[in-house]
Protein backbone atom coordinates (compact mmCIF):
# COMPACT_ATOMS: atom_id res chain seq x y z
CA MET A 1 85.12 91.81 20.07
CA ALA A 2 85.39 93.13 23.59
CA ARG A 3 83.17 96.04 24.62
CA PHE A 4 84.70 99.10 26.29
CA ASP A 5 81.50 101.11 26.74
CA ARG A 6 80.32 99.15 29.75
CA LEU A 7 79.71 100.49 33.24
CA GLY A 8 81.09 98.86 36.37
CA ALA A 9 79.06 97.51 39.25
CA ALA A 10 79.39 100.57 41.47
CA ALA A 11 78.44 102.93 38.63
CA ILE A 12 75.36 100.89 37.70
CA ALA A 13 74.16 100.66 41.31
CA ALA A 14 74.73 104.38 41.88
CA ALA A 15 72.76 105.27 38.75
CA VAL A 16 69.86 103.02 39.75
CA LEU A 17 69.80 104.29 43.34
CA CYS A 18 69.76 107.95 42.31
CA GLY A 19 67.15 107.46 39.62
CA ALA A 20 69.41 108.25 36.67
CA THR A 21 68.38 104.90 35.24
CA SER A 22 66.39 101.88 36.36
CA ALA A 23 67.23 98.27 37.00
CA GLU A 24 64.71 97.40 34.28
CA ALA A 25 66.54 99.58 31.73
CA VAL A 26 69.89 98.08 32.71
CA MET A 27 68.48 94.58 32.29
CA ALA A 28 66.93 95.38 28.91
CA GLU A 29 70.32 96.57 27.66
CA THR A 30 72.02 93.49 29.14
CA LEU A 31 69.61 91.19 27.33
CA ALA A 32 70.37 93.02 24.07
CA ARG A 33 74.11 92.58 24.65
CA ILE A 34 73.66 88.87 25.37
CA ALA A 35 71.70 88.41 22.14
CA ALA A 36 74.32 90.29 20.12
CA TYR A 37 77.26 88.38 21.58
CA ASP A 38 75.52 85.02 21.20
CA ALA A 39 75.99 85.45 17.45
CA VAL A 40 79.74 85.46 18.10
CA GLN A 41 80.14 83.14 21.09
CA PRO A 42 77.13 81.09 22.17
CA GLN A 43 79.60 78.87 24.09
CA VAL A 44 79.76 81.43 26.91
CA TRP A 45 76.57 80.12 28.52
CA ILE A 46 75.28 76.78 29.75
CA SER A 47 71.88 78.07 30.89
CA ARG A 48 70.17 81.44 31.18
CA ALA A 49 67.18 82.83 33.03
CA ALA A 50 64.10 83.68 30.95
CA PRO A 51 64.16 87.32 29.77
CA GLU A 52 60.75 88.16 31.23
CA ALA A 53 61.73 86.66 34.60
CA LEU A 54 64.86 88.85 34.62
CA LEU A 55 62.84 91.96 33.77
CA ASP A 56 60.36 91.10 36.52
CA GLU A 57 63.23 90.79 39.01
CA ALA A 58 64.56 94.15 37.85
CA ARG A 59 61.14 95.77 38.34
CA THR A 60 61.05 94.40 41.88
CA ILE A 61 64.40 96.01 42.58
CA ASP A 62 63.16 99.32 41.18
CA ALA A 63 60.17 99.13 43.51
CA SER A 64 62.44 98.47 46.49
CA VAL A 65 64.63 101.45 45.57
CA ALA A 66 61.56 103.65 45.17
CA ALA A 67 60.49 102.59 48.66
CA GLY A 68 63.77 103.88 50.07
CA GLU A 69 65.68 100.62 50.39
CA HIS A 70 69.44 100.95 49.89
CA LEU A 71 70.74 98.07 47.80
CA PRO A 72 74.53 98.28 47.29
CA LEU A 73 74.34 96.32 44.01
CA ALA A 74 70.95 97.59 42.82
CA GLY A 75 70.29 96.36 39.30
CA VAL A 76 73.81 95.04 38.68
CA PRO A 77 73.68 92.13 36.20
CA TYR A 78 76.09 89.29 36.88
CA ALA A 79 76.90 85.79 35.69
CA ALA A 80 77.65 82.72 37.81
CA LYS A 81 79.96 79.86 36.96
CA ASP A 82 77.90 76.71 36.52
CA ASN A 83 79.32 74.95 39.55
CA ILE A 84 77.58 77.40 41.90
CA ASP A 85 73.92 76.82 42.77
CA VAL A 86 71.41 79.39 41.56
CA ALA A 87 67.78 78.60 42.40
CA GLY A 88 65.73 78.15 39.25
CA LEU A 89 68.65 77.15 37.05
CA PRO A 90 70.31 73.71 36.78
CA THR A 91 73.83 73.14 38.08
CA THR A 92 75.88 71.02 35.67
CA ALA A 93 79.59 71.61 36.42
CA ALA A 94 79.79 71.30 32.60
CA CYS A 95 78.78 67.63 32.77
CA PRO A 96 75.23 66.86 31.56
CA ALA A 97 75.22 63.46 33.31
CA PHE A 98 75.96 65.18 36.63
CA ALA A 99 73.33 67.93 36.35
CA TYR A 100 70.81 68.59 39.12
CA GLN A 101 68.25 71.22 40.05
CA PRO A 102 69.26 73.06 43.24
CA GLU A 103 66.58 73.84 45.78
CA ALA A 104 68.22 77.04 47.02
CA ASP A 105 70.81 79.64 46.16
CA ALA A 106 74.41 79.16 47.20
CA GLY A 107 75.40 81.37 50.12
CA VAL A 108 77.17 83.95 47.96
CA ILE A 109 74.32 84.02 45.43
CA ALA A 110 71.81 84.69 48.22
CA ALA A 111 73.99 87.58 49.43
CA LEU A 112 74.21 89.11 45.96
CA ARG A 113 70.46 88.72 45.44
CA ALA A 114 69.75 90.47 48.75
CA ALA A 115 72.03 93.32 47.66
CA GLY A 116 70.04 93.85 44.46
CA ALA A 117 72.26 92.08 41.93
CA ILE A 118 70.57 89.93 39.26
CA CYS A 119 72.01 86.65 37.96
CA VAL A 120 71.36 86.47 34.22
CA GLY A 121 72.67 82.95 33.75
CA LYS A 122 75.17 80.17 34.34
CA THR A 123 78.42 80.20 32.39
CA ASN A 124 80.62 77.57 30.83
CA LEU A 125 83.70 76.10 32.54
CA ASP A 126 86.31 73.40 32.30
CA GLN A 127 84.38 70.36 33.45
CA PHE A 128 84.30 69.92 37.24
CA ALA A 129 86.49 73.05 37.39
CA THR A 130 89.47 70.93 36.33
CA GLY A 131 91.71 73.01 34.11
CA LEU A 132 93.12 76.49 33.55
CA VAL A 133 92.32 76.60 29.84
CA GLY A 134 88.59 76.70 29.01
CA THR A 135 88.78 73.90 26.42
CA ARG A 136 87.32 71.01 28.48
CA SER A 137 83.55 71.34 28.19
CA PRO A 138 80.89 69.50 26.17
CA TYR A 139 79.13 72.87 25.86
CA GLY A 140 81.85 74.20 23.56
CA ILE A 141 84.98 76.29 23.90
CA PRO A 142 84.62 79.95 24.93
CA HIS A 143 87.31 81.85 23.06
CA ASN A 144 89.20 84.88 24.32
CA ALA A 145 87.08 88.02 24.02
CA TYR A 146 90.00 89.99 22.55
CA ASN A 147 91.41 87.41 20.14
CA ARG A 148 89.38 84.30 19.32
CA ALA A 149 92.47 82.34 18.33
CA TYR A 150 93.48 82.28 22.01
CA VAL A 151 92.04 80.49 25.02
CA SER A 152 89.81 82.29 27.47
CA GLY A 153 91.58 80.71 30.41
CA GLY A 154 89.86 78.39 32.82
CA SER A 155 88.30 76.79 34.51
CA SER A 156 86.27 79.99 34.75
CA SER A 157 86.05 80.39 30.99
CA GLY A 158 82.53 81.59 30.19
CA TRP A 159 82.23 84.03 33.03
CA ALA A 160 85.52 85.71 32.17
CA VAL A 161 84.34 86.22 28.60
CA ALA A 162 80.99 87.55 29.84
CA VAL A 163 82.74 90.36 31.73
CA ALA A 164 85.48 91.01 29.16
CA ALA A 165 82.90 91.26 26.37
CA GLY A 166 80.91 93.81 28.35
CA ILE A 167 77.83 91.61 28.79
CA VAL A 168 77.80 91.80 32.59
CA ALA A 169 79.61 93.97 35.11
CA VAL A 170 80.47 91.17 37.53
CA ALA A 171 80.90 87.41 37.35
CA LEU A 172 81.16 84.97 40.20
CA GLY A 173 83.27 81.85 39.93
CA THR A 174 85.74 79.66 41.76
CA ASP A 175 89.46 79.15 42.26
CA THR A 176 91.26 75.99 43.32
CA ALA A 177 94.42 76.08 41.20
CA GLY A 178 94.13 79.55 39.67
CA SER A 179 90.74 79.57 37.96
CA GLY A 180 89.81 82.93 39.48
CA ARG A 181 93.02 84.56 38.24
CA VAL A 182 94.26 83.01 34.98
CA PRO A 183 91.20 83.98 32.86
CA ALA A 184 91.39 87.48 34.34
CA ALA A 185 95.02 87.78 33.26
CA PHE A 186 94.19 86.62 29.74
CA GLN A 187 91.32 89.11 29.32
CA HIS A 188 92.43 92.30 31.09
CA LEU A 189 90.21 91.85 34.14
CA VAL A 190 90.60 92.03 37.88
CA GLY A 191 90.30 88.59 39.46
CA LEU A 192 89.97 88.52 43.26
CA LYS A 193 90.54 85.26 45.14
CA PRO A 194 89.93 85.77 48.86
CA SER A 195 91.56 83.60 51.47
CA LYS A 196 89.94 80.27 52.27
CA GLY A 197 86.69 80.53 54.20
CA ARG A 198 86.23 84.30 53.77
CA TRP A 199 83.38 83.70 51.32
CA SER A 200 80.95 80.87 51.94
CA THR A 201 81.29 77.83 49.68
CA ARG A 202 77.87 76.47 50.63
CA GLY A 203 76.13 75.50 47.38
CA LEU A 204 79.38 74.99 45.44
CA VAL A 205 80.14 71.79 43.54
CA PRO A 206 83.57 71.05 45.00
CA ALA A 207 86.78 70.55 43.07
CA CYS A 208 89.05 70.21 46.11
CA ARG A 209 86.63 71.01 48.88
CA SER A 210 89.20 71.83 51.55
CA ILE A 211 90.86 74.55 49.45
CA ASP A 212 88.15 75.78 47.05
CA CYS A 213 87.41 79.52 47.04
CA ILE A 214 84.57 81.40 45.39
CA THR A 215 85.92 84.39 43.47
CA VAL A 216 84.92 87.40 41.39
CA PHE A 217 85.85 88.99 38.06
CA THR A 218 85.34 92.74 37.59
CA ASP A 219 86.85 95.59 35.60
CA THR A 220 88.20 97.42 38.65
CA VAL A 221 89.65 96.69 42.06
CA SER A 222 87.00 98.94 43.63
CA ASP A 223 84.21 96.81 42.17
CA ALA A 224 85.90 93.67 43.48
CA ARG A 225 86.08 95.31 46.91
CA LEU A 226 82.37 96.19 46.69
CA VAL A 227 81.46 92.56 45.99
CA ASP A 228 83.69 91.42 48.86
CA ARG A 229 81.86 93.73 51.25
CA VAL A 230 78.55 92.19 50.19
CA VAL A 231 79.42 88.49 50.26
CA ALA A 232 82.21 88.08 52.83
CA GLY A 233 81.27 86.76 56.23
CA PHE A 234 81.05 83.72 58.44
CA ASP A 235 78.50 81.09 57.34
CA PRO A 236 77.72 78.53 60.08
CA ALA A 237 76.18 76.25 57.44
CA ASP A 238 79.55 75.96 55.66
CA PRO A 239 82.01 73.77 57.60
CA PHE A 240 84.95 75.50 55.89
CA SER A 241 83.78 79.05 56.64
CA ARG A 242 85.89 81.15 59.01
CA PRO A 243 85.25 84.40 60.89
CA LEU A 244 86.54 87.50 59.17
CA ALA A 245 89.88 88.83 60.35
CA ASP A 246 90.61 91.94 58.30
CA THR A 247 94.03 93.38 59.07
CA PRO A 248 95.13 96.63 57.40
CA LEU A 249 98.34 96.08 55.44
CA MET A 250 100.84 98.50 53.97
CA ALA A 251 102.70 96.55 51.31
CA ARG A 252 106.13 98.15 51.57
CA ARG A 253 108.24 95.06 50.81
CA ILE A 254 107.33 93.17 47.63
CA GLY A 255 108.62 89.64 47.16
CA VAL A 256 109.52 88.46 43.65
CA PRO A 257 111.06 85.24 42.32
CA LEU A 258 114.81 85.01 41.93
CA PRO A 259 115.78 85.83 38.32
CA HIS A 260 116.49 82.21 37.38
CA GLN A 261 113.06 81.16 38.74
CA ARG A 262 111.15 83.55 36.46
CA VAL A 263 109.95 81.18 33.76
CA PHE A 264 108.01 82.52 30.76
CA PHE A 265 108.05 79.43 28.53
CA GLY A 266 109.71 81.29 25.69
CA ASP A 267 107.30 84.23 25.80
CA GLY A 268 109.58 87.25 25.56
CA GLN A 269 106.68 89.72 25.57
CA SER A 270 105.36 88.46 28.89
CA GLU A 271 108.86 88.58 30.37
CA HIS A 272 109.32 92.17 29.15
CA LEU A 273 105.98 93.30 30.59
CA TYR A 274 106.71 91.64 33.94
CA ASP A 275 110.08 93.37 34.13
CA ARG A 276 108.39 96.70 33.40
CA ALA A 277 105.82 96.05 36.12
CA LEU A 278 108.61 95.41 38.63
CA GLU A 279 110.31 98.64 37.57
CA ALA A 280 107.10 100.52 38.32
CA LEU A 281 106.76 98.83 41.72
CA ALA A 282 110.40 99.56 42.57
CA ALA A 283 109.70 103.27 42.32
CA ARG A 284 107.54 103.08 45.44
CA HIS A 285 108.37 99.80 47.17
CA GLU A 286 111.32 97.69 48.24
CA ILE A 287 111.68 94.72 45.88
CA VAL A 288 112.89 91.59 47.69
CA PRO A 289 114.05 88.61 45.57
CA LEU A 290 112.95 85.33 47.17
CA ASP A 291 113.76 81.68 46.64
CA ILE A 292 110.34 80.36 45.60
CA ALA A 293 111.38 76.69 45.33
CA PRO A 294 109.21 75.73 48.36
CA LEU A 295 106.19 77.45 46.78
CA LEU A 296 106.76 75.61 43.52
CA GLU A 297 107.02 72.33 45.43
CA ALA A 298 103.69 73.04 47.10
CA ALA A 299 102.20 73.74 43.68
CA GLN A 300 103.25 70.27 42.53
CA LEU A 301 101.23 68.66 45.33
CA LEU A 302 97.96 69.86 43.79
CA TYR A 303 98.08 67.65 40.70
CA GLY A 304 101.18 65.56 41.37
CA GLY A 305 100.29 64.60 44.93
CA PRO A 306 97.40 63.28 47.01
CA TRP A 307 95.15 66.31 46.46
CA VAL A 308 94.21 64.65 43.18
CA ALA A 309 92.17 62.25 45.32
CA GLU A 310 90.14 65.18 46.63
CA ARG A 311 89.15 66.00 43.06
CA THR A 312 88.29 62.34 42.61
CA ALA A 313 86.03 62.44 45.67
CA ALA A 314 83.98 65.26 44.13
CA ALA A 315 83.09 63.17 41.06
CA GLU A 316 83.57 59.64 42.42
CA SER A 317 79.99 58.47 41.98
CA LEU A 318 79.85 59.44 38.30
CA LEU A 319 83.42 58.30 37.69
CA THR A 320 82.66 54.77 38.89
CA ARG A 321 79.13 54.61 37.44
CA ASP A 322 79.61 56.21 34.01
CA PRO A 323 83.25 57.18 33.34
CA ASP A 324 82.57 57.91 29.67
CA ALA A 325 80.31 60.79 30.73
CA ILE A 326 83.43 62.67 31.86
CA ASP A 327 85.67 64.62 29.49
CA PRO A 328 88.64 62.34 28.61
CA THR A 329 91.27 64.86 29.74
CA VAL A 330 89.44 65.53 33.00
CA ARG A 331 88.95 61.81 33.58
CA GLY A 332 92.66 61.20 33.01
CA ILE A 333 93.45 63.74 35.73
CA ILE A 334 91.02 62.59 38.41
CA GLU A 335 90.89 58.83 37.83
CA PRO A 336 94.30 58.10 39.45
CA GLY A 337 92.82 59.34 42.72
CA LEU A 338 90.85 56.10 42.98
CA ALA A 339 94.12 54.26 43.64
CA MET A 340 95.60 56.83 46.01
CA ARG A 341 96.72 55.35 49.32
CA ALA A 342 95.99 56.85 52.72
CA VAL A 343 99.74 56.70 53.39
CA ASP A 344 100.34 58.94 50.37
CA LEU A 345 97.75 61.38 51.64
CA TRP A 346 99.28 61.68 55.09
CA ASN A 347 102.79 62.06 53.72
CA GLY A 348 101.47 64.84 51.50
CA ILE A 349 99.79 66.54 54.46
CA TYR A 350 103.01 66.35 56.45
CA ARG A 351 105.06 67.83 53.61
CA LEU A 352 102.53 70.59 53.03
CA ALA A 353 102.73 71.51 56.73
CA GLU A 354 106.50 71.92 56.37
CA LEU A 355 106.03 74.09 53.29
CA GLN A 356 103.37 76.10 55.10
CA ARG A 357 105.87 76.84 57.86
CA HIS A 358 108.28 78.13 55.24
CA ALA A 359 105.56 80.35 53.76
CA ASP A 360 104.70 81.71 57.20
CA GLY A 361 108.34 82.65 57.69
CA MET A 362 108.43 84.31 54.29
CA TRP A 363 105.85 86.85 55.49
CA GLN A 364 108.42 88.08 58.01
CA GLU A 365 110.51 89.25 55.05
CA VAL A 366 107.85 90.65 52.71
CA ASP A 367 104.33 92.07 52.85
CA ALA A 368 103.11 90.87 49.45
CA LEU A 369 104.20 88.87 46.43
CA ALA A 370 104.21 90.20 42.87
CA PHE A 371 104.36 87.23 40.50
CA PRO A 372 103.27 86.85 36.91
CA THR A 373 99.75 85.42 36.98
CA THR A 374 100.93 83.14 34.17
CA GLY A 375 104.17 83.04 32.26
CA THR A 376 102.44 82.98 28.88
CA THR A 377 99.19 82.24 27.10
CA TYR A 378 98.28 79.81 24.31
CA ARG A 379 96.14 79.46 21.24
CA VAL A 380 93.16 77.12 21.37
CA ALA A 381 94.76 74.84 18.79
CA GLU A 382 97.92 74.55 20.88
CA LEU A 383 95.96 73.56 23.99
CA LEU A 384 93.94 70.96 22.12
CA ALA A 385 97.17 69.41 20.85
CA GLU A 386 98.86 69.34 24.29
CA PRO A 387 96.07 69.66 26.86
CA VAL A 388 97.95 68.56 29.98
CA ALA A 389 101.50 69.89 29.59
CA LEU A 390 100.48 73.39 28.53
CA ASN A 391 97.81 73.56 31.22
CA SER A 392 100.49 72.74 33.79
CA ASN A 393 102.60 75.63 32.53
CA LEU A 394 99.75 78.03 33.23
CA GLY A 395 99.56 76.98 36.89
CA ARG A 396 103.22 77.57 37.76
CA TYR A 397 102.53 80.78 39.70
CA THR A 398 98.99 80.01 40.89
CA ASN A 399 98.75 76.38 42.03
CA PHE A 400 100.36 76.89 45.44
CA VAL A 401 98.18 79.78 46.60
CA ASN A 402 95.15 77.95 48.01
CA LEU A 403 97.21 75.08 49.41
CA LEU A 404 99.21 77.64 51.40
CA ASP A 405 96.10 79.61 52.38
CA MET A 406 96.95 82.88 50.68
CA ALA A 407 94.68 85.51 49.17
CA ALA A 408 95.47 86.75 45.66
CA ILE A 409 94.39 89.27 43.09
CA ALA A 410 95.15 89.36 39.38
CA VAL A 411 95.36 92.84 37.91
CA PRO A 412 96.01 93.99 34.33
CA ALA A 413 99.63 94.99 33.77
């Protein structure tokens, strides 16, 4: 059952900084919540830090606060998806045969640590971050925190549950095809996916390295903004990092799909709620119907085009050495990349450039897009019976975003 009595990141840090509580007390309560929820869903975690080590880290933060140091995330417990390096914990990408022990924190983890946040553990995911469902891991299936018959969403499955269940205030994960947004939509969270290169991807096990983004789940937009302020910035050690270019935006014109392009896969409730959301937006903004066919074509390139080979590159060594170590569904997705031709890749790059030009022109007509994050959701049993087709349905409105270099945020509606 989801917990509603939790505090957000900003509230926790404020309480620790003013002395209303301590980082040690926050961590002790977090450890109690982890133990209680483990009885319901032990599949949330792949590895966790030792309790005494976490309490020691919390005491160090309390000492820093007592000495007058301002830590914007003082004492905030968070979880990290297990494809992001955290020193002292193994990185597995949900594949035991791939696991290694990182020597240092990933860039974003180092930034959070310096700000006073404490990583309590590494969470489960669709193996090699390949999937939007949360059912493709040898470490078990994390179920939705609100209704265990339903999927958590993926690939960021465990860390979405950790926030939705009230175990941690913040969770850090990744997004290539929608993994930082779909689980948020399924579990009433805010999922922020910055534009490519805004957050360092140093220390990330790549899915598609050229378009991967590290992301965050929180309860509120303000907490997501707080995390962004801590971790955003140029990282010269990351070849895909870019200098920040914040531009204030007033979203007056909101682009939406043409009516016949709004697909909900038979889910009348989702369609009704989306229509209501647009009615609310229309009260304050101009709603602009757009032909989204070019965006949907770009989305198809991610799994139906040469970008599959980029996923293959991330796991090529294991795929050729020990293919049976890879989840069968994941292997079926990435294995065709071994036969991908360079000609196919370049033709895909050329077509994506044309679609990018269309997207650039679209921003002359609208300031933001308001799409369903997904058209529907599914039960775990349904996904296990049709793991590829139903997963593809979930990516209809998310798969194009990173390919076209957009930022996105999922919000409860």
